[in-house]
C-alpha atoms as a PDB file:
ATOM      1  CA  MET A   1      72.974  74.320  73.754  1.00  0.00           C
ATOM      2  CA  LYS A   2      71.520  77.395  72.070  1.00  0.00           C
ATOM      3  CA  LEU A   3      71.451  80.662  73.927  1.00  0.00           C
ATOM      4  CA  ILE A   4      69.810  83.746  72.701  1.00  0.00           C
ATOM      5  CA  ALA A   5      70.052  87.158  74.489  1.00  0.00           C
ATOM      6  CA  TRP A   6      67.647  89.919  73.030  1.00  0.00           C
ATOM      7  CA  ASN A   7      66.244  92.973  74.326  1.00  0.00           C
ATOM      8  CA  CYS A   8      62.767  92.466  72.848  1.00  0.00           C
ATOM      9  CA  HIS A   9      61.603  95.980  73.447  1.00  0.00           C
ATOM     10  CA  GLN A  10      58.385  94.743  75.218  1.00  0.00           C
ATOM     11  CA  SER A  11      55.483  92.419  74.142  1.00  0.00           C
ATOM     12  CA  PHE A  12      57.690  89.409  73.610  1.00  0.00           C
ATOM     13  CA  ARG A  13      54.471  87.243  73.260  1.00  0.00           C
ATOM     14  CA  THR A  14      53.651  88.990  69.891  1.00  0.00           C
ATOM     15  CA  LYS A  15      57.350  88.318  68.505  1.00  0.00           C
ATOM     16  CA  ALA A  16      58.240  85.039  70.106  1.00  0.00           C
ATOM     17  CA  ASP A  17      57.656  82.874  67.023  1.00  0.00           C
ATOM     18  CA  LYS A  18      60.714  84.094  65.344  1.00  0.00           C
ATOM     19  CA  ILE A  19      62.867  83.525  68.260  1.00  0.00           C
ATOM     20  CA  LEU A  20      61.266  79.981  69.149  1.00  0.00           C
ATOM     21  CA  ALA A  21      61.713  79.037  65.473  1.00  0.00           C
ATOM     22  CA  MET A  22      65.444  78.816  66.284  1.00  0.00           C
ATOM     23  CA  LYS A  23      64.703  76.256  69.077  1.00  0.00           C
ATOM     24  CA  PRO A  24      66.670  77.809  71.807  1.00  0.00           C
ATOM     25  CA  ASP A  25      67.473  76.276  75.016  1.00  0.00           C
ATOM     26  CA  VAL A  26      67.897  79.407  77.042  1.00  0.00           C
ATOM     27  CA  LEU A  27      66.555  82.909  76.567  1.00  0.00           C
ATOM     28  CA  VAL A  28      67.695  86.040  78.226  1.00  0.00           C
ATOM     29  CA  LEU A  29      64.983  88.727  77.477  1.00  0.00           C
ATOM     30  CA  PRO A  30      65.449  92.305  78.854  1.00  0.00           C
ATOM     31  CA  GLU A  31      62.130  94.298  78.523  1.00  0.00           C
ATOM     32  CA  CYS A  32      60.041  91.131  78.494  1.00  0.00           C
ATOM     33  CA  GLU A  33      56.629  90.959  80.175  1.00  0.00           C
ATOM     34  CA  ILE A  34      55.784  88.577  83.202  1.00  0.00           C
ATOM     35  CA  PRO A  35      55.900  84.866  82.210  1.00  0.00           C
ATOM     36  CA  SER A  36      52.219  84.249  83.032  1.00  0.00           C
ATOM     37  CA  LYS A  37      51.383  86.498  79.938  1.00  0.00           C
ATOM     38  CA  LEU A  38      53.533  84.328  77.765  1.00  0.00           C
ATOM     39  CA  SER A  39      51.888  81.215  78.985  1.00  0.00           C
ATOM     40  CA  SER A  40      48.530  82.690  78.201  1.00  0.00           C
ATOM     41  CA  LYS A  41      49.713  82.967  74.603  1.00  0.00           C
ATOM     42  CA  GLY A  42      50.684  79.330  74.536  1.00  0.00           C
ATOM     43  CA  ILE A  43      54.558  79.839  74.700  1.00  0.00           C
ATOM     44  CA  ASP A  44      55.627  76.722  76.325  1.00  0.00           C
ATOM     45  CA  PHE A  45      58.799  77.068  78.371  1.00  0.00           C
ATOM     46  CA  ARG A  46      60.286  74.587  80.871  1.00  0.00           C
ATOM     47  CA  ASP A  47      61.188  76.959  83.647  1.00  0.00           C
ATOM     48  CA  ALA A  48      61.251  80.827  84.087  1.00  0.00           C
ATOM     49  CA  HIS A  49      62.610  83.623  86.400  1.00  0.00           C
ATOM     50  CA  TRP A  50      61.450  87.224  86.074  1.00  0.00           C
ATOM     51  CA  VAL A  51      62.282  90.562  87.890  1.00  0.00           C
ATOM     52  CA  GLY A  52      60.872  93.948  87.403  1.00  0.00           C
ATOM     53  CA  LYS A  53      58.610  96.813  88.688  1.00  0.00           C
ATOM     54  CA  ASN A  54      56.398  96.882  85.671  1.00  0.00           C
ATOM     55  CA  LYS A  55      54.694  93.628  84.695  1.00  0.00           C
ATOM     56  CA  ASN A  56      55.149  94.541  80.943  1.00  0.00           C
ATOM     57  CA  LYS A  57      58.871  95.402  81.060  1.00  0.00           C
ATOM     58  CA  GLY A  58      61.102  93.285  83.288  1.00  0.00           C
ATOM     59  CA  LEU A  59      64.101  90.898  82.716  1.00  0.00           C
ATOM     60  CA  ALA A  60      63.085  87.321  81.907  1.00  0.00           C
ATOM     61  CA  ILE A  61      65.039  84.210  81.705  1.00  0.00           C
ATOM     62  CA  LEU A  62      63.232  81.286  80.002  1.00  0.00           C
ATOM     63  CA  THR A  63      64.531  77.803  79.608  1.00  0.00           C
ATOM     64  CA  PHE A  64      63.390  74.991  77.233  1.00  0.00           C
ATOM     65  CA  ASN A  65      64.291  71.334  76.371  1.00  0.00           C
ATOM     66  CA  ASN A  66      64.383  70.257  80.092  1.00  0.00           C
ATOM     67  CA  TRP A  67      66.808  73.065  81.313  1.00  0.00           C
ATOM     68  CA  THR A  68      65.831  74.221  84.802  1.00  0.00           C
ATOM     69  CA  LEU A  69      66.996  77.245  86.683  1.00  0.00           C
ATOM     70  CA  GLU A  70      67.378  78.432  90.107  1.00  0.00           C
ATOM     71  CA  VAL A  71      68.496  81.853  91.572  1.00  0.00           C
ATOM     72  CA  LEU A  72      71.648  81.529  93.543  1.00  0.00           C
ATOM     73  CA  ASP A  73      72.062  82.569  97.096  1.00  0.00           C
ATOM     74  CA  GLU A  74      74.793  85.002  96.195  1.00  0.00           C
ATOM     75  CA  ALA A  75      71.822  87.145  94.810  1.00  0.00           C
ATOM     76  CA  ASN A  76      71.133  88.263  98.386  1.00  0.00           C
ATOM     77  CA  PRO A  77      71.101  91.069  98.477  1.00  0.00           C
ATOM     78  CA  PRO A  78      70.482  91.271  94.710  1.00  0.00           C
ATOM     79  CA  ILE A  79      71.987  93.766  92.369  1.00  0.00           C
ATOM     80  CA  PRO A  80      69.051  94.982  90.379  1.00  0.00           C
ATOM     81  CA  PHE A  81      68.737  93.498  86.927  1.00  0.00           C
ATOM     82  CA  VAL A  82      72.034  91.457  87.207  1.00  0.00           C
ATOM     83  CA  ILE A  83      70.720  88.130  88.145  1.00  0.00           C
ATOM     84  CA  PRO A  84      73.003  84.937  88.923  1.00  0.00           C
ATOM     85  CA  LEU A  85      71.260  81.747  88.267  1.00  0.00           C
ATOM     86  CA  ARG A  86      72.394  78.003  88.141  1.00  0.00           C
ATOM     87  CA  LEU A  87      70.945  76.106  85.038  1.00  0.00           C
ATOM     88  CA  GLN A  88      70.879  72.365  84.891  1.00  0.00           C
ATOM     89  CA  ARG A  89      69.931  69.509  82.775  1.00  0.00           C
ATOM     90  CA  GLU A  90      70.672  65.776  83.019  1.00  0.00           C
ATOM     91  CA  GLY A  91      73.893  66.231  84.987  1.00  0.00           C
ATOM     92  CA  GLU A  92      75.106  69.325  83.197  1.00  0.00           C
ATOM     93  CA  SER A  93      75.287  72.582  85.161  1.00  0.00           C
ATOM     94  CA  PHE A  94      76.611  75.980  84.696  1.00  0.00           C
ATOM     95  CA  VAL A  95      76.192  79.486  86.167  1.00  0.00           C
ATOM     96  CA  LEU A  96      74.395  82.309  84.201  1.00  0.00           C
ATOM     97  CA  TRP A  97      74.290  86.039  84.873  1.00  0.00           C
ATOM     98  CA  ALA A  98      71.412  87.649  83.092  1.00  0.00           C
ATOM     99  CA  VAL A  99      71.936  91.345  82.638  1.00  0.00           C
ATOM    100  CA  TRP A 100      69.842  94.210  81.924  1.00  0.00           C
ATOM    101  CA  SER A 101      71.907  97.337  82.909  1.00  0.00           C
ATOM    102  CA  GLN A 102      70.000 100.430  83.943  1.00  0.00           C
ATOM    103  CA  LYS A 103      71.099 103.726  85.493  1.00  0.00           C
ATOM    104  CA  PRO A 104      70.602 103.711  89.302  1.00  0.00           C
ATOM    105  CA  ASP A 105      68.726 106.882  90.498  1.00  0.00           C
ATOM    106  CA  SER A 106      71.751 108.429  91.994  1.00  0.00           C
ATOM    107  CA  HIS A 107      73.969 107.856  88.899  1.00  0.00           C
ATOM    108  CA  SER A 108      74.052 108.705  85.269  1.00  0.00           C
ATOM    109  CA  ASN A 109      76.256 105.624  84.323  1.00  0.00           C
ATOM    110  CA  TYR A 110      74.674 102.589  83.027  1.00  0.00           C
ATOM    111  CA  GLY A 111      77.821 100.442  84.162  1.00  0.00           C
ATOM    112  CA  VAL A 112      77.486 101.132  87.969  1.00  0.00           C
ATOM    113  CA  ARG A 113      75.181  98.025  88.622  1.00  0.00           C
ATOM    114  CA  MET A 114      77.343  95.658  86.565  1.00  0.00           C
ATOM    115  CA  TRP A 115      80.546  97.028  88.394  1.00  0.00           C
ATOM    116  CA  LYS A 116      78.828  96.412  91.800  1.00  0.00           C
ATOM    117  CA  ALA A 117      77.848  92.845  90.681  1.00  0.00           C
ATOM    118  CA  LEU A 118      81.430  91.961  89.962  1.00  0.00           C
ATOM    119  CA  SER A 119      82.262  92.762  93.518  1.00  0.00           C
ATOM    120  CA  SER A 120      79.192  91.347  95.180  1.00  0.00           C
ATOM    121  CA  TYR A 121      79.246  88.101  93.120  1.00  0.00           C
ATOM    122  CA  SER A 122      82.909  87.840  92.878  1.00  0.00           C
ATOM    123  CA  GLN A 123      83.031  84.325  94.206  1.00  0.00           C
ATOM    124  CA  LEU A 124      81.207  83.241  91.175  1.00  0.00           C
ATOM    125  CA  LEU A 125      83.692  84.478  88.761  1.00  0.00           C
ATOM    126  CA  SER A 126      86.056  81.421  89.458  1.00  0.00           C
ATOM    127  CA  GLN A 127      83.334  79.058  88.113  1.00  0.00           C
ATOM    128  CA  GLU A 128      84.768  76.812  85.384  1.00  0.00           C
ATOM    129  CA  LYS A 129      81.456  77.149  83.482  1.00  0.00           C
ATOM    130  CA  ILE A 130      79.919  80.553  83.504  1.00  0.00           C
ATOM    131  CA  ILE A 131      78.054  82.829  80.988  1.00  0.00           C
ATOM    132  CA  ILE A 132      77.320  86.493  81.537  1.00  0.00           C
ATOM    133  CA  THR A 133      74.894  87.894  78.895  1.00  0.00           C
ATOM    134  CA  GLY A 134      72.367  90.429  78.077  1.00  0.00           C
ATOM    135  CA  ASP A 135      71.903  94.180  77.449  1.00  0.00           C
ATOM    136  CA  PHE A 136      74.840  95.966  79.304  1.00  0.00           C
ATOM    137  CA  ASN A 137      74.020  99.487  77.721  1.00  0.00           C
ATOM    138  CA  SER A 138      77.765 100.070  77.831  1.00  0.00           C
ATOM    139  CA  SER A 139      80.720 100.447  75.295  1.00  0.00           C
ATOM    140  CA  SER A 140      84.277 101.248  75.569  1.00  0.00           C
ATOM    141  CA  LYS A 141      83.483 104.170  73.383  1.00  0.00           C
ATOM    142  CA  TRP A 142      81.669 105.761  76.358  1.00  0.00           C
ATOM    143  CA  ASP A 143      84.542 105.515  78.836  1.00  0.00           C
ATOM    144  CA  ARG A 144      85.245 108.427  81.000  1.00  0.00           C
ATOM    145  CA  LYS A 145      88.581 109.202  82.576  1.00  0.00           C
ATOM    146  CA  GLY A 146      88.746 108.204  86.134  1.00  0.00           C
ATOM    147  CA  ARG A 147      85.359 106.358  86.146  1.00  0.00           C
ATOM    148  CA  ARG A 148      85.744 103.035  87.917  1.00  0.00           C
ATOM    149  CA  SER A 149      82.661 101.560  86.319  1.00  0.00           C
ATOM    150  CA  ASN A 150      83.818 102.196  82.685  1.00  0.00           C
ATOM    151  CA  HIS A 151      82.897  99.327  80.245  1.00  0.00           C
ATOM    152  CA  SER A 152      86.698  98.715  79.686  1.00  0.00           C
ATOM    153  CA  ASN A 153      87.220  98.137  83.401  1.00  0.00           C
ATOM    154  CA  THR A 154      84.425  95.633  83.452  1.00  0.00           C
ATOM    155  CA  VAL A 155      86.018  93.820  80.491  1.00  0.00           C
ATOM    156  CA  LYS A 156      89.384  93.915  82.200  1.00  0.00           C
ATOM    157  CA  VAL A 157      87.985  92.234  85.331  1.00  0.00           C
ATOM    158  CA  LEU A 158      86.275  89.551  83.420  1.00  0.00           C
ATOM    159  CA  ASN A 159      89.264  88.865  81.254  1.00  0.00           C
ATOM    160  CA  GLU A 160      91.307  88.526  84.395  1.00  0.00           C
ATOM    161  CA  HIS A 161      89.034  85.655  85.407  1.00  0.00           C
ATOM    162  CA  GLY A 162      89.311  83.939  81.969  1.00  0.00           C
ATOM    163  CA  ILE A 163      85.746  85.388  81.028  1.00  0.00           C
ATOM    164  CA  LYS A 164      85.780  86.741  77.489  1.00  0.00           C
ATOM    165  CA  SER A 165      83.277  88.297  75.089  1.00  0.00           C
ATOM    166  CA  MET A 166      82.291  85.565  72.514  1.00  0.00           C
ATOM    167  CA  TYR A 167      81.477  88.213  69.826  1.00  0.00           C
ATOM    168  CA  HIS A 168      85.111  89.655  70.113  1.00  0.00           C
ATOM    169  CA  GLU A 169      86.788  86.308  70.332  1.00  0.00           C
ATOM    170  CA  HIS A 170      84.759  84.995  67.445  1.00  0.00           C
ATOM    171  CA  PHE A 171      85.011  87.851  65.051  1.00  0.00           C
ATOM    172  CA  SER A 172      88.571  88.881  66.226  1.00  0.00           C
ATOM    173  CA  GLU A 173      87.464  92.522  66.839  1.00  0.00           C
ATOM    174  CA  GLN A 174      88.260  94.872  69.618  1.00  0.00           C
ATOM    175  CA  GLN A 175      86.093  96.366  72.137  1.00  0.00           C
ATOM    176  CA  GLY A 176      84.567  99.673  70.861  1.00  0.00           C
ATOM    177  CA  GLN A 177      85.485  98.750  67.265  1.00  0.00           C
ATOM    178  CA  GLU A 178      82.643  96.281  66.559  1.00  0.00           C
ATOM    179  CA  SER A 179      81.487  95.984  62.980  1.00  0.00           C
ATOM    180  CA  ARG A 180      78.106  94.615  63.825  1.00  0.00           C
ATOM    181  CA  ALA A 181      75.650  96.645  65.716  1.00  0.00           C
ATOM    182  CA  THR A 182      73.338  95.399  68.504  1.00  0.00           C
ATOM    183  CA  LEU A 183      71.335  98.583  68.937  1.00  0.00           C
ATOM    184  CA  PHE A 184      70.032 101.027  66.237  1.00  0.00           C
ATOM    185  CA  PHE A 185      69.107 104.044  68.437  1.00  0.00           C
ATOM    186  CA  THR A 186      65.608 105.312  67.838  1.00  0.00           C
ATOM    187  CA  TYR A 187      65.247 102.605  65.241  1.00  0.00           C
ATOM    188  CA  ASN A 188      67.602 104.679  63.014  1.00  0.00           C
ATOM    189  CA  GLU A 189      70.056 102.570  61.018  1.00  0.00           C
ATOM    190  CA  ASP A 190      72.380 105.484  60.803  1.00  0.00           C
ATOM    191  CA  LYS A 191      72.840 105.458  64.653  1.00  0.00           C
ATOM    192  CA  PRO A 192      74.446 102.045  65.200  1.00  0.00           C
ATOM    193  CA  PHE A 193      75.816 100.905  68.553  1.00  0.00           C
ATOM    194  CA  HIS A 194      77.237  97.714  70.052  1.00  0.00           C
ATOM    195  CA  ILE A 195      76.043  97.422  73.670  1.00  0.00           C
ATOM    196  CA  ASP A 196      74.774  93.766  74.084  1.00  0.00           C
ATOM    197  CA  TYR A 197      77.315  91.060  74.986  1.00  0.00           C
ATOM    198  CA  CYS A 198      77.825  87.492  75.919  1.00  0.00           C
ATOM    199  CA  PHE A 199      80.899  86.879  78.032  1.00  0.00           C
ATOM    200  CA  ALA A 200      81.806  83.319  78.826  1.00  0.00           C
ATOM    201  CA  SER A 201      84.717  81.123  80.585  1.00  0.00           C
ATOM    202  CA  GLU A 202      87.123  79.361  78.452  1.00  0.00           C
ATOM    203  CA  TRP A 203      85.111  75.992  78.856  1.00  0.00           C
ATOM    204  CA  PHE A 204      82.283  77.544  76.889  1.00  0.00           C
ATOM    205  CA  GLY A 205      84.757  79.520  74.582  1.00  0.00           C
ATOM    206  CA  GLN A 206      86.276  76.192  73.418  1.00  0.00           C
ATOM    207  CA  ARG A 207      82.821  74.953  72.634  1.00  0.00           C
ATOM    208  CA  LEU A 208      81.427  77.943  70.688  1.00  0.00           C
ATOM    209  CA  ARG A 209      80.101  76.602  67.505  1.00  0.00           C
ATOM    210  CA  SER A 210      78.581  79.763  66.199  1.00  0.00           C
ATOM    211  CA  MET A 211      78.012  83.362  67.126  1.00  0.00           C
ATOM    212  CA  THR A 212      75.339  85.453  65.282  1.00  0.00           C
ATOM    213  CA  VAL A 213      74.214  88.985  65.656  1.00  0.00           C
ATOM    214  CA  GLY A 214      70.645  89.605  64.096  1.00  0.00           C
ATOM    215  CA  GLU A 215      70.611  91.984  61.292  1.00  0.00           C
ATOM    216  CA  SER A 216      68.460  95.092  61.055  1.00  0.00           C
ATOM    217  CA  LYS A 217      66.501  93.962  57.895  1.00  0.00           C
ATOM    218  CA  ASP A 218      65.131  90.960  59.958  1.00  0.00           C
ATOM    219  CA  TRP A 219      64.674  92.486  63.310  1.00  0.00           C
ATOM    220  CA  LEU A 220      64.352  96.274  63.390  1.00  0.00           C
ATOM    221  CA  GLU A 221      60.623  95.886  62.999  1.00  0.00           C
ATOM    222  CA  ASP A 222      60.445  94.164  66.368  1.00  0.00           C
ATOM    223  CA  SER A 223      63.081  95.893  68.398  1.00  0.00           C
ATOM    224  CA  ASP A 224      65.841  98.473  68.353  1.00  0.00           C
ATOM    225  CA  HIS A 225      68.041  95.827  69.665  1.00  0.00           C
ATOM    226  CA  MET A 226      69.354  92.841  67.718  1.00  0.00           C
ATOM    227  CA  PRO A 227      69.550  89.397  69.180  1.00  0.00           C
ATOM    228  CA  LEU A 228      72.910  87.673  70.155  1.00  0.00           C
ATOM    229  CA  ILE A 229      72.555  83.974  69.133  1.00  0.00           C
ATOM    230  CA  MET A 230      75.261  81.621  70.529  1.00  0.00           C
ATOM    231  CA  ASP A 231      75.388  77.780  69.918  1.00  0.00           C
ATOM    232  CA  PHE A 232      77.712  75.844  72.135  1.00  0.00           C
ATOM    233  CA  GLU A 233      78.382  72.270  71.152  1.00  0.00           C
ATOM    234  CA  GLY A 234      78.504  69.532  73.789  1.00  0.00           C
ATOM    235  CA  VAL A 235      76.509  71.294  76.408  1.00  0.00           C
END
C-alpha cells in the first residue's frame, strides 16, 4: 500500500498528475478543495471524505485501487481536522487518522487539537493497525515549558502505545533534529522546518518498504510543503 500525505496548498486538481503518477492507494491532503471539483477535472478516486469551511481549502482523504473508507463513530463529537477513519479492501482493514492541525480560536498553539484527539479517540490507540498522518504544524523545537500540548508530549503518548514516526524510525533521526524539511516557510529554502509526520503502529513499521520526503527542487513550485511518501508491503 502506498500512502502519500501532502499539504498541497490548494488547487490540488491542477497538481494532481505528479501525485497520481506515483499510483497511490491513499492520499491525505490538507488544504485540498472539495472532491466534486476533483471529479470535474477527471480525477478518478474510489472513495473520498472531506471536511472544511471553505470549499477550496479543507482536509481531503482520497482512496484508490478498491480501498474504501468510513468515518468512525469515535469522531462524535469530532475534533476539527483530526479525522479517524477505517479503510478497507478485500478483507484488509486499518484505522487512519488524517491530520491538519490548526490553531483553535482560543489558543495560539497548533498542537491543542491533536492533544485533545489523543484523549477523545484514546480507545483507538490500542489498534494493532493504525496510521496517523498529515500536517501537524508542530515540532519539538517549538516546545514550551509547562505546556501539555507540546509536540514532544504528543510523540511520547503515541510511543507509549507503540505508535512511532516512520520518518524517524527509517532515517534514525531524533525529533527536532530532522535533516529533511517538510516545509519551506514562505517558499524560502533558507527557512526549512519539519512539521509533517506519519506515525504508525508496529504492524506497519515492520512492513515499511520505503519512506521518502519530496525535495524542494521537485515540489516547491506546487506547495511550500513537501509530500511524505510511504510504501508498506503486504498491505
